[in-house]
PDB file of N, CA and C in Angstrom:
ATOM      1  N   MET A   1      20.358  31.281  18.083  1.00  0.00           N
ATOM      2  CA  MET A   1      20.365  30.104  17.264  1.00  0.00           C
ATOM      3  C   MET A   1      18.922  29.765  16.876  1.00  0.00           C
ATOM      4  N   ARG A   2      18.650  29.613  15.585  1.00  0.00           N
ATOM      5  CA  ARG A   2      17.329  29.221  15.095  1.00  0.00           C
ATOM      6  C   ARG A   2      17.315  27.712  14.890  1.00  0.00           C
ATOM      7  N   ILE A   3      16.241  27.048  15.309  1.00  0.00           N
ATOM      8  CA  ILE A   3      16.125  25.609  15.119  1.00  0.00           C
ATOM      9  C   ILE A   3      14.854  25.331  14.337  1.00  0.00           C
ATOM     10  N   ASP A   4      14.977  24.567  13.230  1.00  0.00           N
ATOM     11  CA  ASP A   4      13.817  24.158  12.441  1.00  0.00           C
ATOM     12  C   ASP A   4      13.214  22.914  13.091  1.00  0.00           C
ATOM     13  N   MET A   5      11.929  23.000  13.476  1.00  0.00           N
ATOM     14  CA  MET A   5      11.277  21.892  14.162  1.00  0.00           C
ATOM     15  C   MET A   5       9.872  21.709  13.622  1.00  0.00           C
ATOM     16  N   PHE A   6       9.186  20.673  14.110  1.00  0.00           N
ATOM     17  CA  PHE A   6       7.778  20.513  13.811  1.00  0.00           C
ATOM     18  C   PHE A   6       7.039  21.727  14.349  1.00  0.00           C
ATOM     19  N   PRO A   7       5.936  22.129  13.695  1.00  0.00           N
ATOM     20  CA  PRO A   7       5.197  23.290  14.181  1.00  0.00           C
ATOM     21  C   PRO A   7       4.502  23.026  15.511  1.00  0.00           C
ATOM     22  N   SER A   8       4.353  21.776  15.910  1.00  0.00           N
ATOM     23  CA  SER A   8       3.754  21.474  17.207  1.00  0.00           C
ATOM     24  C   SER A   8       4.438  20.238  17.773  1.00  0.00           C
ATOM     25  N   ILE A   9       4.159  19.945  19.039  1.00  0.00           N
ATOM     26  CA  ILE A   9       4.780  18.773  19.645  1.00  0.00           C
ATOM     27  C   ILE A   9       3.953  17.519  19.405  1.00  0.00           C
ATOM     28  N   ASN A  10       2.748  17.656  18.850  1.00  0.00           N
ATOM     29  CA  ASN A  10       1.878  16.514  18.605  1.00  0.00           C
ATOM     30  C   ASN A  10       1.381  16.524  17.162  1.00  0.00           C
ATOM     31  N   SER A  11       1.143  15.326  16.626  1.00  0.00           N
ATOM     32  CA  SER A  11       0.554  15.172  15.300  1.00  0.00           C
ATOM     33  C   SER A  11      -0.712  14.341  15.443  1.00  0.00           C
ATOM     34  N   ARG A  12      -1.813  14.859  14.936  1.00  0.00           N
ATOM     35  CA  ARG A  12      -3.076  14.124  15.024  1.00  0.00           C
ATOM     36  C   ARG A  12      -3.052  12.937  14.066  1.00  0.00           C
ATOM     37  N   SER A  13      -3.434  11.760  14.566  1.00  0.00           N
ATOM     38  CA  SER A  13      -3.444  10.558  13.734  1.00  0.00           C
ATOM     39  C   SER A  13      -4.369  10.742  12.527  1.00  0.00           C
ATOM     40  N   GLU A  14      -5.489  11.429  12.708  1.00  0.00           N
ATOM     41  CA  GLU A  14      -6.436  11.651  11.612  1.00  0.00           C
ATOM     42  C   GLU A  14      -5.810  12.479  10.503  1.00  0.00           C
ATOM     43  N   ARG A  15      -5.031  13.482  10.876  1.00  0.00           N
ATOM     44  CA  ARG A  15      -4.383  14.333   9.883  1.00  0.00           C
ATOM     45  C   ARG A  15      -3.323  13.541   9.118  1.00  0.00           C
ATOM     46  N   LEU A  16      -2.562  12.723   9.830  1.00  0.00           N
ATOM     47  CA  LEU A  16      -1.575  11.881   9.161  1.00  0.00           C
ATOM     48  C   LEU A  16      -2.259  10.907   8.207  1.00  0.00           C
ATOM     49  N   ALA A  17      -3.397  10.339   8.611  1.00  0.00           N
ATOM     50  CA  ALA A  17      -4.114   9.366   7.782  1.00  0.00           C
ATOM     51  C   ALA A  17      -4.689   9.998   6.518  1.00  0.00           C
ATOM     52  N   ARG A  18      -4.999  11.289   6.553  1.00  0.00           N
ATOM     53  CA  ARG A  18      -5.545  11.967   5.370  1.00  0.00           C
ATOM     54  C   ARG A  18      -4.468  12.326   4.354  1.00  0.00           C
ATOM     55  N   GLY A  19      -3.209  12.223   4.740  1.00  0.00           N
ATOM     56  CA  GLY A  19      -2.131  12.575   3.832  1.00  0.00           C
ATOM     57  C   GLY A  19      -2.098  11.670   2.614  1.00  0.00           C
ATOM     58  N   ARG A  20      -1.495  12.144   1.559  1.00  0.00           N
ATOM     59  CA  ARG A  20      -1.453  11.381   0.314  1.00  0.00           C
ATOM     60  C   ARG A  20      -0.149  10.636   0.108  1.00  0.00           C
ATOM     61  N   GLY A  21       0.893  11.097   0.728  1.00  0.00           N
ATOM     62  CA  GLY A  21       2.188  10.466   0.545  1.00  0.00           C
ATOM     63  C   GLY A  21       2.549   9.581   1.710  1.00  0.00           C
ATOM     64  N   PRO A  22       3.787   9.147   1.716  1.00  0.00           N
ATOM     65  CA  PRO A  22       4.224   8.308   2.824  1.00  0.00           C
ATOM     66  C   PRO A  22       4.287   9.115   4.119  1.00  0.00           C
ATOM     67  N   LEU A  23       4.143   8.404   5.226  1.00  0.00           N
ATOM     68  CA  LEU A  23       4.308   9.053   6.526  1.00  0.00           C
ATOM     69  C   LEU A  23       5.751   9.497   6.672  1.00  0.00           C
ATOM     70  N   PRO A  24       5.981  10.518   7.478  1.00  0.00           N
ATOM     71  CA  PRO A  24       7.373  10.852   7.798  1.00  0.00           C
ATOM     72  C   PRO A  24       8.022   9.638   8.456  1.00  0.00           C
ATOM     73  N   GLN A  25       9.321   9.678   8.608  1.00  0.00           N
ATOM     74  CA  GLN A  25      10.015   8.595   9.294  1.00  0.00           C
ATOM     75  C   GLN A  25       9.335   8.342  10.633  1.00  0.00           C
ATOM     76  N   ARG A  26       9.225   7.081  11.006  1.00  0.00           N
ATOM     77  CA  ARG A  26       8.541   6.720  12.249  1.00  0.00           C
ATOM     78  C   ARG A  26       9.544   6.475  13.365  1.00  0.00           C
ATOM     79  N   ALA A  27       9.083   6.684  14.585  1.00  0.00           N
ATOM     80  CA  ALA A  27       9.923   6.467  15.756  1.00  0.00           C
ATOM     81  C   ALA A  27       9.035   5.985  16.902  1.00  0.00           C
ATOM     82  N   ILE A  28       9.667   5.462  17.923  1.00  0.00           N
ATOM     83  CA  ILE A  28       8.976   5.104  19.158  1.00  0.00           C
ATOM     84  C   ILE A  28       9.704   5.815  20.287  1.00  0.00           C
ATOM     85  N   VAL A  29       8.955   6.571  21.064  1.00  0.00           N
ATOM     86  CA  VAL A  29       9.520   7.306  22.185  1.00  0.00           C
ATOM     87  C   VAL A  29       9.252   6.494  23.457  1.00  0.00           C
ATOM     88  N   PRO A  30      10.303   6.026  24.134  1.00  0.00           N
ATOM     89  CA  PRO A  30      10.087   5.280  25.375  1.00  0.00           C
ATOM     90  C   PRO A  30       9.730   6.239  26.509  1.00  0.00           C
ATOM     91  N   ALA A  31       8.781   5.831  27.331  1.00  0.00           N
ATOM     92  CA  ALA A  31       8.368   6.674  28.459  1.00  0.00           C
ATOM     93  C   ALA A  31       7.796   5.779  29.554  1.00  0.00           C
ATOM     94  N   SER A  32       7.847   6.250  30.763  1.00  0.00           N
ATOM     95  CA  SER A  32       7.229   5.505  31.853  1.00  0.00           C
ATOM     96  C   SER A  32       5.829   6.051  32.157  1.00  0.00           C
ATOM     97  N   TYR A  33       5.506   7.244  31.644  1.00  0.00           N
ATOM     98  CA  TYR A  33       4.182   7.831  31.822  1.00  0.00           C
ATOM     99  C   TYR A  33       4.042   9.018  30.885  1.00  0.00           C
ATOM    100  N   TRP A  34       2.832   9.537  30.780  1.00  0.00           N
ATOM    101  CA  TRP A  34       2.607  10.816  30.120  1.00  0.00           C
ATOM    102  C   TRP A  34       1.653  11.608  30.988  1.00  0.00           C
ATOM    103  N   ARG A  35       1.580  12.896  30.734  1.00  0.00           N
ATOM    104  CA  ARG A  35       0.734  13.784  31.540  1.00  0.00           C
ATOM    105  C   ARG A  35      -0.264  14.484  30.641  1.00  0.00           C
ATOM    106  N   GLU A  36      -1.455  14.670  31.159  1.00  0.00           N
ATOM    107  CA  GLU A  36      -2.503  15.428  30.466  1.00  0.00           C
ATOM    108  C   GLU A  36      -3.131  16.391  31.449  1.00  0.00           C
ATOM    109  N   MET A  37      -3.472  17.577  30.953  1.00  0.00           N
ATOM    110  CA  MET A  37      -4.151  18.561  31.791  1.00  0.00           C
ATOM    111  C   MET A  37      -5.651  18.447  31.589  1.00  0.00           C
ATOM    112  N   GLN A  38      -6.368  18.293  32.691  1.00  0.00           N
ATOM    113  CA  GLN A  38      -7.825  18.270  32.657  1.00  0.00           C
ATOM    114  C   GLN A  38      -8.316  19.705  32.737  1.00  0.00           C
ATOM    115  N   LYS A  39      -9.133  20.084  31.768  1.00  0.00           N
ATOM    116  CA  LYS A  39      -9.678  21.442  31.744  1.00  0.00           C
ATOM    117  C   LYS A  39     -11.149  21.379  32.105  1.00  0.00           C
ATOM    118  N   PRO A  40     -11.744  22.356  32.657  1.00  0.00           N
ATOM    119  CA  PRO A  40     -11.215  23.685  32.920  1.00  0.00           C
ATOM    120  C   PRO A  40     -10.485  23.800  34.260  1.00  0.00           C
ATOM    121  N   GLN A  41     -10.387  22.702  34.996  1.00  0.00           N
ATOM    122  CA  GLN A  41      -9.771  22.758  36.325  1.00  0.00           C
ATOM    123  C   GLN A  41      -8.268  23.029  36.283  1.00  0.00           C
ATOM    124  N   LYS A  42      -7.637  22.816  35.135  1.00  0.00           N
ATOM    125  CA  LYS A  42      -6.181  22.941  34.984  1.00  0.00           C
ATOM    126  C   LYS A  42      -5.465  22.014  35.963  1.00  0.00           C
ATOM    127  N   LEU A  43      -5.988  20.789  36.052  1.00  0.00           N
ATOM    128  CA  LEU A  43      -5.442  19.774  36.939  1.00  0.00           C
ATOM    129  C   LEU A  43      -4.649  18.765  36.110  1.00  0.00           C
ATOM    130  N   TRP A  44      -3.379  18.587  36.446  1.00  0.00           N
ATOM    131  CA  TRP A  44      -2.521  17.659  35.718  1.00  0.00           C
ATOM    132  C   TRP A  44      -2.743  16.240  36.207  1.00  0.00           C
ATOM    133  N   HIS A  45      -2.811  15.288  35.265  1.00  0.00           N
ATOM    134  CA  HIS A  45      -2.956  13.865  35.573  1.00  0.00           C
ATOM    135  C   HIS A  45      -1.747  13.110  35.048  1.00  0.00           C
ATOM    136  N   HIS A  46      -1.234  12.224  35.868  1.00  0.00           N
ATOM    137  CA  HIS A  46      -0.107  11.361  35.552  1.00  0.00           C
ATOM    138  C   HIS A  46      -0.705  10.041  35.067  1.00  0.00           C
ATOM    139  N   LEU A  47      -0.465   9.658  33.812  1.00  0.00           N
ATOM    140  CA  LEU A  47      -1.071   8.454  33.232  1.00  0.00           C
ATOM    141  C   LEU A  47       0.018   7.446  32.895  1.00  0.00           C
ATOM    142  N   ALA A  48      -0.193   6.206  33.309  1.00  0.00           N
ATOM    143  CA  ALA A  48       0.815   5.167  33.121  1.00  0.00           C
ATOM    144  C   ALA A  48       0.133   3.814  32.999  1.00  0.00           C
ATOM    145  N   LEU A  49       0.900   2.829  32.563  1.00  0.00           N
ATOM    146  CA  LEU A  49       0.407   1.455  32.522  1.00  0.00           C
ATOM    147  C   LEU A  49       0.497   0.845  33.918  1.00  0.00           C
ATOM    148  N   PRO A  50      -0.291  -0.204  34.173  1.00  0.00           N
ATOM    149  CA  PRO A  50      -0.190  -0.880  35.471  1.00  0.00           C
ATOM    150  C   PRO A  50       1.237  -1.374  35.714  1.00  0.00           C
ATOM    151  N   ASP A  51       1.623  -1.412  36.944  1.00  0.00           N
ATOM    152  CA  ASP A  51       2.951  -1.905  37.340  1.00  0.00           C
ATOM    153  C   ASP A  51       4.094  -1.104  36.730  1.00  0.00           C
ATOM    154  N   ALA A  52       3.827   0.140  36.357  1.00  0.00           N
ATOM    155  CA  ALA A  52       4.851   1.048  35.813  1.00  0.00           C
ATOM    156  C   ALA A  52       5.591   0.458  34.612  1.00  0.00           C
ATOM    157  N   GLU A  53       4.870  -0.311  33.784  1.00  0.00           N
ATOM    158  CA  GLU A  53       5.476  -0.870  32.575  1.00  0.00           C
ATOM    159  C   GLU A  53       5.936   0.259  31.656  1.00  0.00           C
ATOM    160  N   LEU A  54       7.003  -0.006  30.914  1.00  0.00           N
ATOM    161  CA  LEU A  54       7.508   0.975  29.970  1.00  0.00           C
ATOM    162  C   LEU A  54       6.524   1.135  28.813  1.00  0.00           C
ATOM    163  N   LEU A  55       6.274   2.356  28.418  1.00  0.00           N
ATOM    164  CA  LEU A  55       5.383   2.678  27.302  1.00  0.00           C
ATOM    165  C   LEU A  55       6.198   2.925  26.043  1.00  0.00           C
ATOM    166  N   GLY A  56       5.619   2.596  24.904  1.00  0.00           N
ATOM    167  CA  GLY A  56       6.167   3.007  23.624  1.00  0.00           C
ATOM    168  C   GLY A  56       5.173   3.971  23.003  1.00  0.00           C
ATOM    169  N   LEU A  57       5.557   5.221  22.803  1.00  0.00           N
ATOM    170  CA  LEU A  57       4.675   6.238  22.228  1.00  0.00           C
ATOM    171  C   LEU A  57       5.020   6.406  20.751  1.00  0.00           C
ATOM    172  N   ALA A  58       4.025   6.242  19.884  1.00  0.00           N
ATOM    173  CA  ALA A  58       4.240   6.394  18.450  1.00  0.00           C
ATOM    174  C   ALA A  58       4.608   7.839  18.138  1.00  0.00           C
ATOM    175  N   ALA A  59       5.571   7.991  17.242  1.00  0.00           N
ATOM    176  CA  ALA A  59       6.006   9.335  16.838  1.00  0.00           C
ATOM    177  C   ALA A  59       6.377   9.316  15.366  1.00  0.00           C
ATOM    178  N   VAL A  60       6.351  10.486  14.761  1.00  0.00           N
ATOM    179  CA  VAL A  60       6.915  10.682  13.432  1.00  0.00           C
ATOM    180  C   VAL A  60       8.095  11.633  13.601  1.00  0.00           C
ATOM    181  N   ALA A  61       9.084  11.462  12.753  1.00  0.00           N
ATOM    182  CA  ALA A  61      10.317  12.236  12.905  1.00  0.00           C
ATOM    183  C   ALA A  61      10.755  12.795  11.561  1.00  0.00           C
ATOM    184  N   ARG A  62      11.538  13.836  11.631  1.00  0.00           N
ATOM    185  CA  ARG A  62      12.140  14.392  10.417  1.00  0.00           C
ATOM    186  C   ARG A  62      13.435  15.088  10.802  1.00  0.00           C
ATOM    187  N   PRO A  63      14.312  15.238   9.831  1.00  0.00           N
ATOM    188  CA  PRO A  63      15.568  15.913  10.139  1.00  0.00           C
ATOM    189  C   PRO A  63      15.342  17.404  10.346  1.00  0.00           C
ATOM    190  N   GLY A  64      16.144  17.971  11.191  1.00  0.00           N
ATOM    191  CA  GLY A  64      16.145  19.413  11.416  1.00  0.00           C
ATOM    192  C   GLY A  64      17.565  19.920  11.299  1.00  0.00           C
ATOM    193  N   ARG A  65      17.704  21.211  11.284  1.00  0.00           N
ATOM    194  CA  ARG A  65      19.028  21.811  11.153  1.00  0.00           C
ATOM    195  C   ARG A  65      19.031  23.129  11.907  1.00  0.00           C
ATOM    196  N   THR A  66      20.063  23.339  12.703  1.00  0.00           N
ATOM    197  CA  THR A  66      20.207  24.614  13.390  1.00  0.00           C
ATOM    198  C   THR A  66      20.700  25.651  12.400  1.00  0.00           C
ATOM    199  N   GLU A  67      20.621  26.896  12.774  1.00  0.00           N
ATOM    200  CA  GLU A  67      21.052  27.977  11.895  1.00  0.00           C
ATOM    201  C   GLU A  67      22.516  27.831  11.475  1.00  0.00           C
ATOM    202  N   ASP A  68      23.346  27.251  12.351  1.00  0.00           N
ATOM    203  CA  ASP A  68      24.757  27.076  12.010  1.00  0.00           C
ATOM    204  C   ASP A  68      25.027  25.785  11.241  1.00  0.00           C
ATOM    205  N   GLY A  69      23.964  25.046  10.851  1.00  0.00           N
ATOM    206  CA  GLY A  69      24.113  23.878  10.002  1.00  0.00           C
ATOM    207  C   GLY A  69      24.185  22.540  10.715  1.00  0.00           C
ATOM    208  N   ALA A  70      24.167  22.524  12.030  1.00  0.00           N
ATOM    209  CA  ALA A  70      24.207  21.258  12.760  1.00  0.00           C
ATOM    210  C   ALA A  70      22.892  20.506  12.543  1.00  0.00           C
ATOM    211  N   GLU A  71      22.997  19.210  12.227  1.00  0.00           N
ATOM    212  CA  GLU A  71      21.812  18.399  11.973  1.00  0.00           C
ATOM    213  C   GLU A  71      21.337  17.717  13.250  1.00  0.00           C
ATOM    214  N   PHE A  72      20.027  17.485  13.341  1.00  0.00           N
ATOM    215  CA  PHE A  72      19.440  16.747  14.445  1.00  0.00           C
ATOM    216  C   PHE A  72      18.138  16.154  13.958  1.00  0.00           C
ATOM    217  N   VAL A  73      17.544  15.279  14.735  1.00  0.00           N
ATOM    218  CA  VAL A  73      16.249  14.707  14.423  1.00  0.00           C
ATOM    219  C   VAL A  73      15.251  15.246  15.436  1.00  0.00           C
ATOM    220  N   CYS A  74      14.106  15.721  14.950  1.00  0.00           N
ATOM    221  CA  CYS A  74      13.051  16.152  15.850  1.00  0.00           C
ATOM    222  C   CYS A  74      11.853  15.227  15.648  1.00  0.00           C
ATOM    223  N   TYR A  75      11.019  15.122  16.655  1.00  0.00           N
ATOM    224  CA  TYR A  75       9.893  14.210  16.565  1.00  0.00           C
ATOM    225  C   TYR A  75       8.621  14.871  17.060  1.00  0.00           C
ATOM    226  N   SER A  76       7.517  14.256  16.668  1.00  0.00           N
ATOM    227  CA  SER A  76       6.192  14.707  17.071  1.00  0.00           C
ATOM    228  C   SER A  76       5.399  13.469  17.473  1.00  0.00           C
ATOM    229  N   LEU A  77       4.843  13.461  18.679  1.00  0.00           N
ATOM    230  CA  LEU A  77       4.045  12.327  19.121  1.00  0.00           C
ATOM    231  C   LEU A  77       2.762  12.237  18.307  1.00  0.00           C
ATOM    232  N   VAL A  78       2.349  11.022  17.977  1.00  0.00           N
ATOM    233  CA  VAL A  78       1.098  10.786  17.254  1.00  0.00           C
ATOM    234  C   VAL A  78      -0.006  10.632  18.297  1.00  0.00           C
ATOM    235  N   MET A  79      -1.032  11.466  18.170  1.00  0.00           N
ATOM    236  CA  MET A  79      -2.130  11.499  19.139  1.00  0.00           C
ATOM    237  C   MET A  79      -3.427  11.049  18.471  1.00  0.00           C
ATOM    238  N   HIS A  80      -4.289  10.399  19.254  1.00  0.00           N
ATOM    239  CA  HIS A  80      -5.605   9.996  18.761  1.00  0.00           C
ATOM    240  C   HIS A  80      -6.632  10.179  19.867  1.00  0.00           C
ATOM    241  N   ALA A  81      -7.883   9.831  19.574  1.00  0.00           N
ATOM    242  CA  ALA A  81      -8.951   9.994  20.570  1.00  0.00           C
ATOM    243  C   ALA A  81      -8.607   9.204  21.830  1.00  0.00           C
ATOM    244  N   ALA A  82      -8.910   9.770  22.969  1.00  0.00           N
ATOM    245  CA  ALA A  82      -8.596   9.132  24.246  1.00  0.00           C
ATOM    246  C   ALA A  82      -9.419   7.870  24.456  1.00  0.00           C
ATOM    247  N   ALA A  83      -8.827   6.912  25.149  1.00  0.00           N
ATOM    248  CA  ALA A  83      -9.551   5.711  25.565  1.00  0.00           C
ATOM    249  C   ALA A  83     -10.688   6.132  26.502  1.00  0.00           C
ATOM    250  N   ALA A  84     -11.752   5.361  26.501  1.00  0.00           N
ATOM    251  CA  ALA A  84     -12.948   5.719  27.271  1.00  0.00           C
ATOM    252  C   ALA A  84     -12.649   5.981  28.746  1.00  0.00           C
ATOM    253  N   HIS A  85     -11.748   5.214  29.347  1.00  0.00           N
ATOM    254  CA  HIS A  85     -11.507   5.358  30.779  1.00  0.00           C
ATOM    255  C   HIS A  85     -10.702   6.608  31.156  1.00  0.00           C
ATOM    256  N   ILE A  86     -10.159   7.334  30.177  1.00  0.00           N
ATOM    257  CA  ILE A  86      -9.483   8.597  30.501  1.00  0.00           C
ATOM    258  C   ILE A  86     -10.076   9.788  29.754  1.00  0.00           C
ATOM    259  N   ALA A  87     -11.171   9.574  29.035  1.00  0.00           N
ATOM    260  CA  ALA A  87     -11.786  10.647  28.250  1.00  0.00           C
ATOM    261  C   ALA A  87     -12.254  11.806  29.112  1.00  0.00           C
ATOM    262  N   ASP A  88     -12.546  11.559  30.389  1.00  0.00           N
ATOM    263  CA  ASP A  88     -12.958  12.654  31.265  1.00  0.00           C
ATOM    264  C   ASP A  88     -11.771  13.523  31.681  1.00  0.00           C
ATOM    265  N   VAL A  89     -10.548  13.021  31.475  1.00  0.00           N
ATOM    266  CA  VAL A  89      -9.338  13.790  31.776  1.00  0.00           C
ATOM    267  C   VAL A  89      -8.962  14.646  30.572  1.00  0.00           C
ATOM    268  N   HIS A  90      -8.919  14.018  29.388  1.00  0.00           N
ATOM    269  CA  HIS A  90      -8.535  14.720  28.164  1.00  0.00           C
ATOM    270  C   HIS A  90      -9.119  13.972  26.980  1.00  0.00           C
ATOM    271  N   ASP A  91      -9.422  14.689  25.899  1.00  0.00           N
ATOM    272  CA  ASP A  91     -10.034  14.034  24.739  1.00  0.00           C
ATOM    273  C   ASP A  91      -9.021  13.367  23.799  1.00  0.00           C
ATOM    274  N   ARG A  92      -7.730  13.567  24.025  1.00  0.00           N
ATOM    275  CA  ARG A  92      -6.680  12.991  23.173  1.00  0.00           C
ATOM    276  C   ARG A  92      -5.676  12.262  24.051  1.00  0.00           C
ATOM    277  N   MET A  93      -4.954  11.324  23.440  1.00  0.00           N
ATOM    278  CA  MET A  93      -3.879  10.618  24.130  1.00  0.00           C
ATOM    279  C   MET A  93      -2.872  10.137  23.091  1.00  0.00           C
ATOM    280  N   PRO A  94      -1.648   9.834  23.506  1.00  0.00           N
ATOM    281  CA  PRO A  94      -0.675   9.320  22.548  1.00  0.00           C
ATOM    282  C   PRO A  94      -1.074   7.928  22.060  1.00  0.00           C
ATOM    283  N   VAL A  95      -0.684   7.607  20.840  1.00  0.00           N
ATOM    284  CA  VAL A  95      -0.846   6.254  20.326  1.00  0.00           C
ATOM    285  C   VAL A  95       0.204   5.394  21.022  1.00  0.00           C
ATOM    286  N   LEU A  96      -0.249   4.372  21.748  1.00  0.00           N
ATOM    287  CA  LEU A  96       0.655   3.480  22.460  1.00  0.00           C
ATOM    288  C   LEU A  96       1.024   2.325  21.538  1.00  0.00           C
ATOM    289  N   VAL A  97       2.306   2.032  21.437  1.00  0.00           N
ATOM    290  CA  VAL A  97       2.793   0.965  20.570  1.00  0.00           C
ATOM    291  C   VAL A  97       3.160  -0.230  21.452  1.00  0.00           C
ATOM    292  N   PRO A  98       2.350  -1.315  21.391  1.00  0.00           N
ATOM    293  CA  PRO A  98       2.698  -2.486  22.185  1.00  0.00           C
ATOM    294  C   PRO A  98       3.967  -3.145  21.656  1.00  0.00           C
ATOM    295  N   PRO A  99       4.729  -3.823  22.507  1.00  0.00           N
ATOM    296  CA  PRO A  99       5.992  -4.428  22.073  1.00  0.00           C
ATOM    297  C   PRO A  99       5.850  -5.304  20.827  1.00  0.00           C
ATOM    298  N   GLY A 100       4.771  -6.064  20.709  1.00  0.00           N
ATOM    299  CA  GLY A 100       4.587  -6.940  19.556  1.00  0.00           C
ATOM    300  C   GLY A 100       4.288  -6.201  18.265  1.00  0.00           C
ATOM    301  N   PHE A 101       4.026  -4.912  18.319  1.00  0.00           N
ATOM    302  CA  PHE A 101       3.698  -4.113  17.134  1.00  0.00           C
ATOM    303  C   PHE A 101       4.820  -3.146  16.764  1.00  0.00           C
ATOM    304  N   ALA A 102       5.848  -3.076  17.587  1.00  0.00           N
ATOM    305  CA  ALA A 102       6.916  -2.089  17.375  1.00  0.00           C
ATOM    306  C   ALA A 102       7.568  -2.226  16.000  1.00  0.00           C
ATOM    307  N   GLU A 103       7.929  -3.432  15.616  1.00  0.00           N
ATOM    308  CA  GLU A 103       8.595  -3.647  14.325  1.00  0.00           C
ATOM    309  C   GLU A 103       7.709  -3.193  13.170  1.00  0.00           C
ATOM    310  N   GLU A 104       6.418  -3.527  13.235  1.00  0.00           N
ATOM    311  CA  GLU A 104       5.499  -3.120  12.171  1.00  0.00           C
ATOM    312  C   GLU A 104       5.364  -1.601  12.109  1.00  0.00           C
ATOM    313  N   TRP A 105       5.244  -0.947  13.277  1.00  0.00           N
ATOM    314  CA  TRP A 105       5.133   0.516  13.293  1.00  0.00           C
ATOM    315  C   TRP A 105       6.362   1.155  12.645  1.00  0.00           C
ATOM    316  N   LEU A 106       7.527   0.653  12.970  1.00  0.00           N
ATOM    317  CA  LEU A 106       8.763   1.257  12.484  1.00  0.00           C
ATOM    318  C   LEU A 106       9.056   0.967  11.024  1.00  0.00           C
ATOM    319  N   THR A 107       8.567  -0.145  10.477  1.00  0.00           N
ATOM    320  CA  THR A 107       8.969  -0.567   9.126  1.00  0.00           C
ATOM    321  C   THR A 107       7.846  -0.613   8.103  1.00  0.00           C
ATOM    322  N   SER A 108       6.629  -0.318   8.469  1.00  0.00           N
ATOM    323  CA  SER A 108       5.507  -0.426   7.537  1.00  0.00           C
ATOM    324  C   SER A 108       5.721   0.447   6.303  1.00  0.00           C
ATOM    325  N   SER A 109       5.277  -0.056   5.171  1.00  0.00           N
ATOM    326  CA  SER A 109       5.350   0.736   3.935  1.00  0.00           C
ATOM    327  C   SER A 109       4.015   1.410   3.627  1.00  0.00           C
ATOM    328  N   ALA A 110       3.070   1.358   4.569  1.00  0.00           N
ATOM    329  CA  ALA A 110       1.772   2.000   4.366  1.00  0.00           C
ATOM    330  C   ALA A 110       1.941   3.499   4.195  1.00  0.00           C
ATOM    331  N   THR A 111       1.162   4.061   3.316  1.00  0.00           N
ATOM    332  CA  THR A 111       1.161   5.513   3.139  1.00  0.00           C
ATOM    333  C   THR A 111       0.364   6.126   4.281  1.00  0.00           C
ATOM    334  N   ALA A 112       0.367   7.438   4.336  1.00  0.00           N
ATOM    335  CA  ALA A 112      -0.375   8.122   5.382  1.00  0.00           C
ATOM    336  C   ALA A 112      -1.850   7.753   5.328  1.00  0.00           C
ATOM    337  N   GLY A 113      -2.374   7.498   4.142  1.00  0.00           N
ATOM    338  CA  GLY A 113      -3.785   7.114   3.997  1.00  0.00           C
ATOM    339  C   GLY A 113      -4.064   5.672   4.340  1.00  0.00           C
ATOM    340  N   GLY A 114      -3.025   4.896   4.703  1.00  0.00           N
ATOM    341  CA  GLY A 114      -3.223   3.539   5.164  1.00  0.00           C
ATOM    342  C   GLY A 114      -3.010   2.463   4.127  1.00  0.00           C
ATOM    343  N   GLN A 115      -2.698   2.797   2.893  1.00  0.00           N
ATOM    344  CA  GLN A 115      -2.496   1.809   1.846  1.00  0.00           C
ATOM    345  C   GLN A 115      -1.017   1.467   1.729  1.00  0.00           C
ATOM    346  N   ALA A 116      -0.736   0.204   1.462  1.00  0.00           N
ATOM    347  CA  ALA A 116       0.659  -0.222   1.299  1.00  0.00           C
ATOM    348  C   ALA A 116       1.267   0.486   0.098  1.00  0.00           C
ATOM    349  N   GLY A 117       2.502   0.898   0.263  1.00  0.00           N
ATOM    350  CA  GLY A 117       3.203   1.589  -0.823  1.00  0.00           C
ATOM    351  C   GLY A 117       3.754   0.617  -1.844  1.00  0.00           C
ATOM    352  N   ASP A 118       4.232   1.167  -2.964  1.00  0.00           N
ATOM    353  CA  ASP A 118       4.794   0.310  -4.025  1.00  0.00           C
ATOM    354  C   ASP A 118       6.141  -0.224  -3.608  1.00  0.00           C
TER     355      ASP A 118
END
């Protein structure tokens, strides 16, 4: 079975911002933590909010289709430069969507370049 998906599991925020058209459909992936590998030690780090608060990870999504025609949605996490306190672990991290910003992230008409659409 062949599945059409994003070419990677992550999308760089800078690359999305340079685009000329609208962003792909937006999504929020709920998670309790994410993991990053620190190189060159190849040491995995478990990263989470204090008190194990639920995280909202920004994502872009698009429809996919299996070879037999079944439809599904695939997503790619939006990544940006790491916050200073974890930069020694990894240079990138997911864009975290705070609860008060979720509606705006999901419904914004801004184009990939950041300008409001018509």
